[in-house]
Structure formats: C-alpha cells, structure tokens
Amino acid sequence: MEFDPGLAALRPLGGFFVLRTSPRPPHRPLPTLAHACRALPAHGPADDLGDGLAHNQDPLAHRVRKVAVALRAPEPRTAASVAHQGLAARLWSVTLGCAVLYGRVPDRDPGLLHWDPDATAPDDLWLAEARPRPGDAATVADVVLDTHLVPLTAAVRGRYRLAAGLLWGNAASALAGAARELDRWARRHGRTAAAARARSLTTGLLAHPLLAGTGTLTDTAFRRRSCCLYYRVPGGGVCGDCCFSRPPGTPRPPDAPPPHGSRRPPRSSPDAPSE
C-alpha cells in the first residue's frame, strides 16, 4: 500500500491507531512529547495531585493528575503507571499499524509529535510532518522505544518513583495489546498476511533488550512479569495479562488452583511491582 501523508489506512483500525497529521494542531497550540519528557520541574513535589501548572507548561504532570481524578486513584504512582501505559499503547499502535499496512512508518521526531494531555482516552497525538521510514522491526524499535519510550519512561520513573521493570512491563503489555487488536482486525477482514506480519514484528520487538524478559507471548496472548498497579484503583481488579491471579492482599479460595504467579518474580526482582 502506498504511504499517504494522512495515514488514512489506519482509520478503520480504531482510535488507538489513528494519528492526525498536519503542519500545526487546530484550535490551540499543543505541547510536543519532547517537551513533556523534559527533566523534573522545580515548582514542587512530582506527586502533587493539586491543580499545578497548565497542561502546556507541564503536560506530563497534567496528564497524571487527569488520570488520577478520572480513576479516583489513591496515589499518584498508580495514575502515572496507567498514563504511561496509555501513551505507550498509542505510540505502538500507530507505528505497528503503519508497519503492517504500509510497510513503512512515519518518522516521529519528538519535536514534531504533539500530544494533548487534557484529552480523553485514547491519547490524542498530532504529527506535524509524516516522513516515511522503513517498516522493519529495528526501525519500529528506534521510532517507538529509543525515540519516545526511553525518555518517557525515564521521566515517569524519576518523577513518580516507579520501578523500571514495571514501566518496561507496561511498554511490553501495550505492544502486545496493539498487536492483538491489529491481528483481530486483520483476521476479520481476511488479511492473513497482515496478521502474520503483526505477529512477526511483535515477536521481534519483544526480544529487544529493553523488553526481553518482561513477559511471555503465546500466539497473541501475553503474560507479563510485573503489575501496572491498576488493582489499586477502586474496583480495578487485575488486568488480563497481569502477573497476579488476583489483587494482592485478597485471600485465595482453598479449592482454587495454584495461581499463575509461578511466573511471578520475587519481590527483590527489578521486574516485581514497586510498592
């Protein structure tokens, strides 16, 4: 398929896969991801959930506060983890979708990729210029991991004191989720080659040094070795790919089978959930 600057082929895949493109965002200026991932500001504690700065001044803190309010998160670390995984899912979805459908991916310079931290889910992304690059696994890893998730993960970890293993588990989970949705879409539409391409790329990407060991992929099902902390949200429970079989602290019924926590790392492991 010919690479078009508007990335129209992504629209049928759903909101997580859509990337808006134009020289400048409409309505109002939006911060770039390069700005969002800058060093910790000096205005106060990173885990303050108060009104804080405007979304253009400190977009990462604004997004975490917005997620915390929406989920009634009991602590900012939980909201930061959920926000991190949501943005990772958008970055993976767009890039993986382009790699599978176009065989090319847009070069997403963090200085050209705008983000609206005040939008509802999924995160609203806007690319000022869609310059095509090859769609191989190494380029996808460079576009998503090296260009965006490395600085984003460092910023979230530094501000909210989350374990590196938890955050890279978020990134792997988001990748597997994007691949699973793309596989479902491809199979529904008889695009068997696209489904195979999505699985091949995902397998290669999960072998990347930053993601290797974060979990186990079986066909399109992923089981991570860490927890995103969503169980701490009121009524949240555990996610489908969580290392926990039930929220920590809840008793296991006497007749229940052994939990899949045999895959769970010990608490001393860097991949264990940070408490």
Foldseek 3Di string as FASTA:
>chain_A
DADDFQPVVQPVLDDLQGEGEAQADPDDHFAFLVQQLDADDPPDALFDLDPDDDCNNHVLSLLLSVQCVVLVFPTSLLSSLVSLLLVLLSLLLNLLVCCLPVQKGFQQQSRQKGWDSPDDPNTHIYGNTGDIDGSALVVSCCRRPVRRVVSSLVSSCVRNVWFLLLSLLSNLVSNLVSLVSQLVVCVVVVNVSSNVSSQVSSVVNCCPPSNPPQWDQDSSQTAGQEASPQCSRVVRWGDPRYLFPTPPPDDDPPPDDDTNVVSHDPPVDSNYTDD
